[in-house]
Amino acid sequence: RGLMFLFNPNPTTLQGKFRLDRAGIGLTGIGRFEVVGTYPSSQPKQQANYGDEVSWEVPAQSCVVLSVTPVAS
């Protein structure tokens, strides 16, 4: 569980991509995870398995903060 910060200094919207694993973000758990946008508010949420790539839209000259938490089985 933790927070991800994605920054986009460019003048156009970009897709931020990361893999849910140890090499990608330092994640050590296995199973299914929920990725929820916490900033700016009203962001969508996604569920993905350990090892999956997550893609998130980052607005131009802005940032997003994502919360990554395990999904209870």
PDB file of N, CA and C in Angstrom:
ATOM      1  N   ARG A   1       0.845  -1.175   0.000  1.00  0.00           N
ATOM      2  CA  ARG A   1       0.000   0.000   0.000  1.00  0.00           C
ATOM      3  C   ARG A   1       0.885   1.231   0.000  1.00  0.00           C
ATOM      4  N   GLY A   2       0.407   2.285  -0.653  1.00  0.00           N
ATOM      5  CA  GLY A   2       1.201   3.499  -0.693  1.00  0.00           C
ATOM      6  C   GLY A   2       0.609   4.518  -1.643  1.00  0.00           C
ATOM      7  N   LEU A   3       1.372   5.568  -1.879  1.00  0.00           N
ATOM      8  CA  LEU A   3       0.951   6.652  -2.763  1.00  0.00           C
ATOM      9  C   LEU A   3       1.885   6.737  -3.962  1.00  0.00           C
ATOM     10  N   MET A   4       1.320   7.094  -5.099  1.00  0.00           N
ATOM     11  CA  MET A   4       2.085   7.340  -6.324  1.00  0.00           C
ATOM     12  C   MET A   4       1.852   8.792  -6.722  1.00  0.00           C
ATOM     13  N   PHE A   5       2.906   9.463  -7.128  1.00  0.00           N
ATOM     14  CA  PHE A   5       2.827  10.838  -7.611  1.00  0.00           C
ATOM     15  C   PHE A   5       3.257  10.838  -9.066  1.00  0.00           C
ATOM     16  N   LEU A   6       2.376  11.293  -9.949  1.00  0.00           N
ATOM     17  CA  LEU A   6       2.694  11.389 -11.368  1.00  0.00           C
ATOM     18  C   LEU A   6       2.676  12.864 -11.756  1.00  0.00           C
ATOM     19  N   PHE A   7       3.774  13.331 -12.345  1.00  0.00           N
ATOM     20  CA  PHE A   7       3.909  14.733 -12.727  1.00  0.00           C
ATOM     21  C   PHE A   7       3.992  14.849 -14.244  1.00  0.00           C
ATOM     22  N   ASN A   8       3.384  15.899 -14.782  1.00  0.00           N
ATOM     23  CA  ASN A   8       3.433  16.170 -16.218  1.00  0.00           C
ATOM     24  C   ASN A   8       3.721  17.651 -16.436  1.00  0.00           C
ATOM     25  N   PRO A   9       4.980  18.007 -16.740  1.00  0.00           N
ATOM     26  CA  PRO A   9       5.318  19.406 -16.984  1.00  0.00           C
ATOM     27  C   PRO A   9       5.036  19.850 -18.422  1.00  0.00           C
ATOM     28  N   ASN A  10       4.591  18.931 -19.266  1.00  0.00           N
ATOM     29  CA  ASN A  10       4.382  19.220 -20.682  1.00  0.00           C
ATOM     30  C   ASN A  10       3.100  20.008 -20.938  1.00  0.00           C
ATOM     31  N   PRO A  11       3.000  20.656 -22.103  1.00  0.00           N
ATOM     32  CA  PRO A  11       1.816  21.458 -22.418  1.00  0.00           C
ATOM     33  C   PRO A  11       0.608  20.639 -22.893  1.00  0.00           C
ATOM     34  N   THR A  12       0.740  19.309 -22.975  1.00  0.00           N
ATOM     35  CA  THR A  12      -0.371  18.453 -23.380  1.00  0.00           C
ATOM     36  C   THR A  12      -0.560  17.318 -22.374  1.00  0.00           C
ATOM     37  N   THR A  13      -1.761  16.770 -22.318  1.00  0.00           N
ATOM     38  CA  THR A  13      -2.065  15.638 -21.440  1.00  0.00           C
ATOM     39  C   THR A  13      -1.258  14.424 -21.878  1.00  0.00           C
ATOM     40  N   LEU A  14      -0.726  13.681 -20.909  1.00  0.00           N
ATOM     41  CA  LEU A  14       0.034  12.464 -21.188  1.00  0.00           C
ATOM     42  C   LEU A  14      -0.492  11.312 -20.352  1.00  0.00           C
ATOM     43  N   GLN A  15      -0.182  10.094 -20.776  1.00  0.00           N
ATOM     44  CA  GLN A  15      -0.509   8.892 -20.021  1.00  0.00           C
ATOM     45  C   GLN A  15       0.698   8.511 -19.167  1.00  0.00           C
ATOM     46  N   GLY A  16       0.509   8.517 -17.850  1.00  0.00           N
ATOM     47  CA  GLY A  16       1.540   8.014 -16.959  1.00  0.00           C
ATOM     48  C   GLY A  16       1.359   6.514 -16.836  1.00  0.00           C
ATOM     49  N   LYS A  17       2.452   5.739 -16.960  1.00  0.00           N
ATOM     50  CA  LYS A  17       2.362   4.285 -16.898  1.00  0.00           C
ATOM     51  C   LYS A  17       3.361   3.754 -15.891  1.00  0.00           C
ATOM     52  N   PHE A  18       2.929   2.740 -15.120  1.00  0.00           N
ATOM     53  CA  PHE A  18       3.814   2.079 -14.180  1.00  0.00           C
ATOM     54  C   PHE A  18       3.323   0.651 -13.978  1.00  0.00           C
ATOM     55  N   ARG A  19       4.234  -0.212 -13.572  1.00  0.00           N
ATOM     56  CA  ARG A  19       3.911  -1.618 -13.354  1.00  0.00           C
ATOM     57  C   ARG A  19       3.783  -1.885 -11.853  1.00  0.00           C
ATOM     58  N   LEU A  20       2.757  -2.635 -11.482  1.00  0.00           N
ATOM     59  CA  LEU A  20       2.525  -2.983 -10.077  1.00  0.00           C
ATOM     60  C   LEU A  20       3.424  -4.162  -9.690  1.00  0.00           C
ATOM     61  N   ASP A  21       4.699  -3.872  -9.464  1.00  0.00           N
ATOM     62  CA  ASP A  21       5.628  -4.908  -9.025  1.00  0.00           C
ATOM     63  C   ASP A  21       6.801  -4.266  -8.290  1.00  0.00           C
ATOM     64  N   ARG A  22       7.718  -5.091  -7.838  1.00  0.00           N
ATOM     65  CA  ARG A  22       8.861  -4.595  -7.069  1.00  0.00           C
ATOM     66  C   ARG A  22       9.747  -3.696  -7.930  1.00  0.00           C
ATOM     67  N   ALA A  23      10.046  -4.108  -9.152  1.00  0.00           N
ATOM     68  CA  ALA A  23      10.921  -3.313 -10.028  1.00  0.00           C
ATOM     69  C   ALA A  23      10.268  -1.992 -10.439  1.00  0.00           C
ATOM     70  N   GLY A  24       8.952  -2.003 -10.663  1.00  0.00           N
ATOM     71  CA  GLY A  24       8.262  -0.806 -11.124  1.00  0.00           C
ATOM     72  C   GLY A  24       8.075   0.254 -10.054  1.00  0.00           C
ATOM     73  N   ILE A  25       7.510  -0.149  -8.908  1.00  0.00           N
ATOM     74  CA  ILE A  25       7.202   0.845  -7.860  1.00  0.00           C
ATOM     75  C   ILE A  25       7.602   0.377  -6.462  1.00  0.00           C
ATOM     76  N   GLY A  26       8.308  -0.749  -6.373  1.00  0.00           N
ATOM     77  CA  GLY A  26       8.724  -1.240  -5.060  1.00  0.00           C
ATOM     78  C   GLY A  26       7.659  -2.022  -4.325  1.00  0.00           C
ATOM     79  N   LEU A  27       6.615  -2.452  -5.031  1.00  0.00           N
ATOM     80  CA  LEU A  27       5.518  -3.193  -4.413  1.00  0.00           C
ATOM     81  C   LEU A  27       5.966  -4.617  -4.110  1.00  0.00           C
ATOM     82  N   THR A  28       5.760  -5.061  -2.879  1.00  0.00           N
ATOM     83  CA  THR A  28       6.220  -6.392  -2.491  1.00  0.00           C
ATOM     84  C   THR A  28       5.089  -7.390  -2.292  1.00  0.00           C
ATOM     85  N   GLY A  29       3.855  -6.938  -2.224  1.00  0.00           N
ATOM     86  CA  GLY A  29       2.731  -7.849  -2.033  1.00  0.00           C
ATOM     87  C   GLY A  29       2.320  -8.484  -3.339  1.00  0.00           C
ATOM     88  N   ILE A  30       1.525  -9.534  -3.258  1.00  0.00           N
ATOM     89  CA  ILE A  30       0.960 -10.142  -4.451  1.00  0.00           C
ATOM     90  C   ILE A  30      -0.555 -10.078  -4.344  1.00  0.00           C
ATOM     91  N   GLY A  31      -1.239 -10.338  -5.442  1.00  0.00           N
ATOM     92  CA  GLY A  31      -2.702 -10.308  -5.426  1.00  0.00           C
ATOM     93  C   GLY A  31      -3.253  -9.181  -6.272  1.00  0.00           C
ATOM     94  N   ARG A  32      -4.431  -8.728  -5.899  1.00  0.00           N
ATOM     95  CA  ARG A  32      -5.141  -7.678  -6.639  1.00  0.00           C
ATOM     96  C   ARG A  32      -5.067  -6.376  -5.851  1.00  0.00           C
ATOM     97  N   PHE A  33      -4.941  -5.264  -6.592  1.00  0.00           N
ATOM     98  CA  PHE A  33      -4.798  -3.947  -5.968  1.00  0.00           C
ATOM     99  C   PHE A  33      -5.786  -2.970  -6.582  1.00  0.00           C
ATOM    100  N   GLU A  34      -6.192  -1.992  -5.770  1.00  0.00           N
ATOM    101  CA  GLU A  34      -7.038  -0.906  -6.249  1.00  0.00           C
ATOM    102  C   GLU A  34      -6.194   0.353  -6.315  1.00  0.00           C
ATOM    103  N   VAL A  35      -6.269   1.029  -7.459  1.00  0.00           N
ATOM    104  CA  VAL A  35      -5.560   2.287  -7.666  1.00  0.00           C
ATOM    105  C   VAL A  35      -6.625   3.375  -7.775  1.00  0.00           C
ATOM    106  N   VAL A  36      -6.580   4.332  -6.843  1.00  0.00           N
ATOM    107  CA  VAL A  36      -7.610   5.370  -6.765  1.00  0.00           C
ATOM    108  C   VAL A  36      -6.944   6.738  -6.833  1.00  0.00           C
ATOM    109  N   GLY A  37      -7.470   7.613  -7.674  1.00  0.00           N
ATOM    110  CA  GLY A  37      -6.993   8.986  -7.731  1.00  0.00           C
ATOM    111  C   GLY A  37      -7.461   9.746  -6.504  1.00  0.00           C
ATOM    112  N   THR A  38      -6.513  10.321  -5.749  1.00  0.00           N
ATOM    113  CA  THR A  38      -6.886  11.099  -4.567  1.00  0.00           C
ATOM    114  C   THR A  38      -6.710  12.596  -4.785  1.00  0.00           C
ATOM    115  N   TYR A  39      -5.918  12.976  -5.793  1.00  0.00           N
ATOM    116  CA  TYR A  39      -5.774  14.385  -6.168  1.00  0.00           C
ATOM    117  C   TYR A  39      -5.545  14.443  -7.658  1.00  0.00           C
ATOM    118  N   PRO A  40      -6.173  15.279  -8.401  1.00  0.00           N
ATOM    119  CA  PRO A  40      -7.323  16.067  -7.977  1.00  0.00           C
ATOM    120  C   PRO A  40      -8.514  15.158  -7.680  1.00  0.00           C
ATOM    121  N   SER A  41      -9.464  15.670  -6.941  1.00  0.00           N
ATOM    122  CA  SER A  41     -10.609  14.845  -6.536  1.00  0.00           C
ATOM    123  C   SER A  41     -11.420  14.409  -7.751  1.00  0.00           C
ATOM    124  N   SER A  42     -12.330  13.485  -7.522  1.00  0.00           N
ATOM    125  CA  SER A  42     -13.234  12.950  -8.556  1.00  0.00           C
ATOM    126  C   SER A  42     -12.492  12.193  -9.644  1.00  0.00           C
ATOM    127  N   GLN A  43     -11.382  11.573  -9.285  1.00  0.00           N
ATOM    128  CA  GLN A  43     -10.662  10.740 -10.243  1.00  0.00           C
ATOM    129  C   GLN A  43     -11.253   9.342 -10.239  1.00  0.00           C
ATOM    130  N   PRO A  44     -11.155   8.630 -11.354  1.00  0.00           N
ATOM    131  CA  PRO A  44     -11.665   7.259 -11.407  1.00  0.00           C
ATOM    132  C   PRO A  44     -10.780   6.302 -10.604  1.00  0.00           C
ATOM    133  N   LYS A  45     -11.196   5.058 -10.524  1.00  0.00           N
ATOM    134  CA  LYS A  45     -10.372   4.053  -9.877  1.00  0.00           C
ATOM    135  C   LYS A  45     -10.245   2.850 -10.790  1.00  0.00           C
ATOM    136  N   GLN A  46      -9.185   2.102 -10.577  1.00  0.00           N
ATOM    137  CA  GLN A  46      -8.913   0.901 -11.361  1.00  0.00           C
ATOM    138  C   GLN A  46      -8.512  -0.218 -10.421  1.00  0.00           C
ATOM    139  N   GLN A  47      -8.725  -1.454 -10.860  1.00  0.00           N
ATOM    140  CA  GLN A  47      -8.187  -2.604 -10.152  1.00  0.00           C
ATOM    141  C   GLN A  47      -7.259  -3.332 -11.106  1.00  0.00           C
ATOM    142  N   ALA A  48      -6.146  -3.826 -10.567  1.00  0.00           N
ATOM    143  CA  ALA A  48      -5.164  -4.533 -11.372  1.00  0.00           C
ATOM    144  C   ALA A  48      -4.450  -5.554 -10.500  1.00  0.00           C
ATOM    145  N   ASN A  49      -3.908  -6.568 -11.131  1.00  0.00           N
ATOM    146  CA  ASN A  49      -3.166  -7.603 -10.427  1.00  0.00           C
ATOM    147  C   ASN A  49      -1.696  -7.236 -10.316  1.00  0.00           C
ATOM    148  N   TYR A  50      -1.027  -7.840  -9.341  1.00  0.00           N
ATOM    149  CA  TYR A  50       0.417  -7.677  -9.197  1.00  0.00           C
ATOM    150  C   TYR A  50       1.064  -8.031 -10.537  1.00  0.00           C
ATOM    151  N   GLY A  51       1.960  -7.166 -11.002  1.00  0.00           N
ATOM    152  CA  GLY A  51       2.643  -7.379 -12.273  1.00  0.00           C
ATOM    153  C   GLY A  51       2.001  -6.687 -13.457  1.00  0.00           C
ATOM    154  N   ASP A  52       0.753  -6.239 -13.326  1.00  0.00           N
ATOM    155  CA  ASP A  52       0.065  -5.548 -14.420  1.00  0.00           C
ATOM    156  C   ASP A  52       0.597  -4.127 -14.586  1.00  0.00           C
ATOM    157  N   GLU A  53       0.470  -3.600 -15.802  1.00  0.00           N
ATOM    158  CA  GLU A  53       0.801  -2.198 -16.053  1.00  0.00           C
ATOM    159  C   GLU A  53      -0.468  -1.358 -15.867  1.00  0.00           C
ATOM    160  N   VAL A  54      -0.318  -0.259 -15.160  1.00  0.00           N
ATOM    161  CA  VAL A  54      -1.418   0.675 -14.940  1.00  0.00           C
ATOM    162  C   VAL A  54      -1.118   1.937 -15.744  1.00  0.00           C
ATOM    163  N   SER A  55      -2.116   2.449 -16.424  1.00  0.00           N
ATOM    164  CA  SER A  55      -1.987   3.677 -17.198  1.00  0.00           C
ATOM    165  C   SER A  55      -2.960   4.697 -16.628  1.00  0.00           C
ATOM    166  N   TRP A  56      -2.473   5.935 -16.429  1.00  0.00           N
ATOM    167  CA  TRP A  56      -3.304   6.971 -15.813  1.00  0.00           C
ATOM    168  C   TRP A  56      -3.085   8.286 -16.540  1.00  0.00           C
ATOM    169  N   GLU A  57      -4.171   8.951 -16.894  1.00  0.00           N
ATOM    170  CA  GLU A  57      -4.087  10.237 -17.596  1.00  0.00           C
ATOM    171  C   GLU A  57      -3.647  11.338 -16.633  1.00  0.00           C
ATOM    172  N   VAL A  58      -2.604  12.072 -17.051  1.00  0.00           N
ATOM    173  CA  VAL A  58      -2.090  13.179 -16.241  1.00  0.00           C
ATOM    174  C   VAL A  58      -2.275  14.471 -17.048  1.00  0.00           C
ATOM    175  N   PRO A  59      -3.098  15.398 -16.554  1.00  0.00           N
ATOM    176  CA  PRO A  59      -3.359  16.638 -17.282  1.00  0.00           C
ATOM    177  C   PRO A  59      -2.084  17.451 -17.529  1.00  0.00           C
ATOM    178  N   ALA A  60      -2.147  18.298 -18.537  1.00  0.00           N
ATOM    179  CA  ALA A  60      -1.012  19.157 -18.891  1.00  0.00           C
ATOM    180  C   ALA A  60      -0.601  20.027 -17.711  1.00  0.00           C
ATOM    181  N   GLN A  61       0.697  20.154 -17.519  1.00  0.00           N
ATOM    182  CA  GLN A  61       1.291  21.010 -16.486  1.00  0.00           C
ATOM    183  C   GLN A  61       0.607  20.815 -15.132  1.00  0.00           C
ATOM    184  N   SER A  62       0.471  19.547 -14.749  1.00  0.00           N
ATOM    185  CA  SER A  62      -0.231  19.222 -13.518  1.00  0.00           C
ATOM    186  C   SER A  62       0.345  17.941 -12.927  1.00  0.00           C
ATOM    187  N   CYS A  63      -0.330  17.438 -11.910  1.00  0.00           N
ATOM    188  CA  CYS A  63       0.054  16.179 -11.300  1.00  0.00           C
ATOM    189  C   CYS A  63      -1.188  15.444 -10.818  1.00  0.00           C
ATOM    190  N   VAL A  64      -1.018  14.163 -10.550  1.00  0.00           N
ATOM    191  CA  VAL A  64      -2.061  13.370  -9.901  1.00  0.00           C
ATOM    192  C   VAL A  64      -1.411  12.593  -8.766  1.00  0.00           C
ATOM    193  N   VAL A  65      -2.189  12.338  -7.738  1.00  0.00           N
ATOM    194  CA  VAL A  65      -1.750  11.495  -6.626  1.00  0.00           C
ATOM    195  C   VAL A  65      -2.667  10.290  -6.609  1.00  0.00           C
ATOM    196  N   LEU A  66      -2.060   9.107  -6.605  1.00  0.00           N
ATOM    197  CA  LEU A  66      -2.810   7.859  -6.618  1.00  0.00           C
ATOM    198  C   LEU A  66      -2.549   7.077  -5.354  1.00  0.00           C
ATOM    199  N   SER A  67      -3.577   6.464  -4.834  1.00  0.00           N
ATOM    200  CA  SER A  67      -3.461   5.583  -3.679  1.00  0.00           C
ATOM    201  C   SER A  67      -3.520   4.147  -4.187  1.00  0.00           C
ATOM    202  N   VAL A  68      -2.561   3.312  -3.764  1.00  0.00           N
ATOM    203  CA  VAL A  68      -2.521   1.908  -4.163  1.00  0.00           C
ATOM    204  C   VAL A  68      -2.745   1.064  -2.900  1.00  0.00           C
ATOM    205  N   THR A  69      -3.817   0.276  -2.898  1.00  0.00           N
ATOM    206  CA  THR A  69      -4.131  -0.551  -1.734  1.00  0.00           C
ATOM    207  C   THR A  69      -4.522  -1.958  -2.186  1.00  0.00           C
ATOM    208  N   PRO A  70      -4.201  -2.959  -1.367  1.00  0.00           N
ATOM    209  CA  PRO A  70      -4.625  -4.322  -1.718  1.00  0.00           C
ATOM    210  C   PRO A  70      -6.143  -4.457  -1.616  1.00  0.00           C
ATOM    211  N   VAL A  71      -6.700  -5.281  -2.489  1.00  0.00           N
ATOM    212  CA  VAL A  71      -8.131  -5.571  -2.464  1.00  0.00           C
ATOM    213  C   VAL A  71      -8.324  -6.778  -1.549  1.00  0.00           C
ATOM    214  N   ALA A  72      -9.214  -6.649  -0.591  1.00  0.00           N
ATOM    215  CA  ALA A  72      -9.499  -7.762   0.327  1.00  0.00           C
ATOM    216  C   ALA A  72     -10.159  -8.895  -0.443  1.00  0.00           C
ATOM    217  N   SER A  73      -9.689 -10.116  -0.185  1.00  0.00           N
ATOM    218  CA  SER A  73     -10.274 -11.257  -0.918  1.00  0.00           C
ATOM    219  C   SER A  73     -11.462 -11.845  -0.236  1.00  0.00           C
TER     220      SER A  73
END
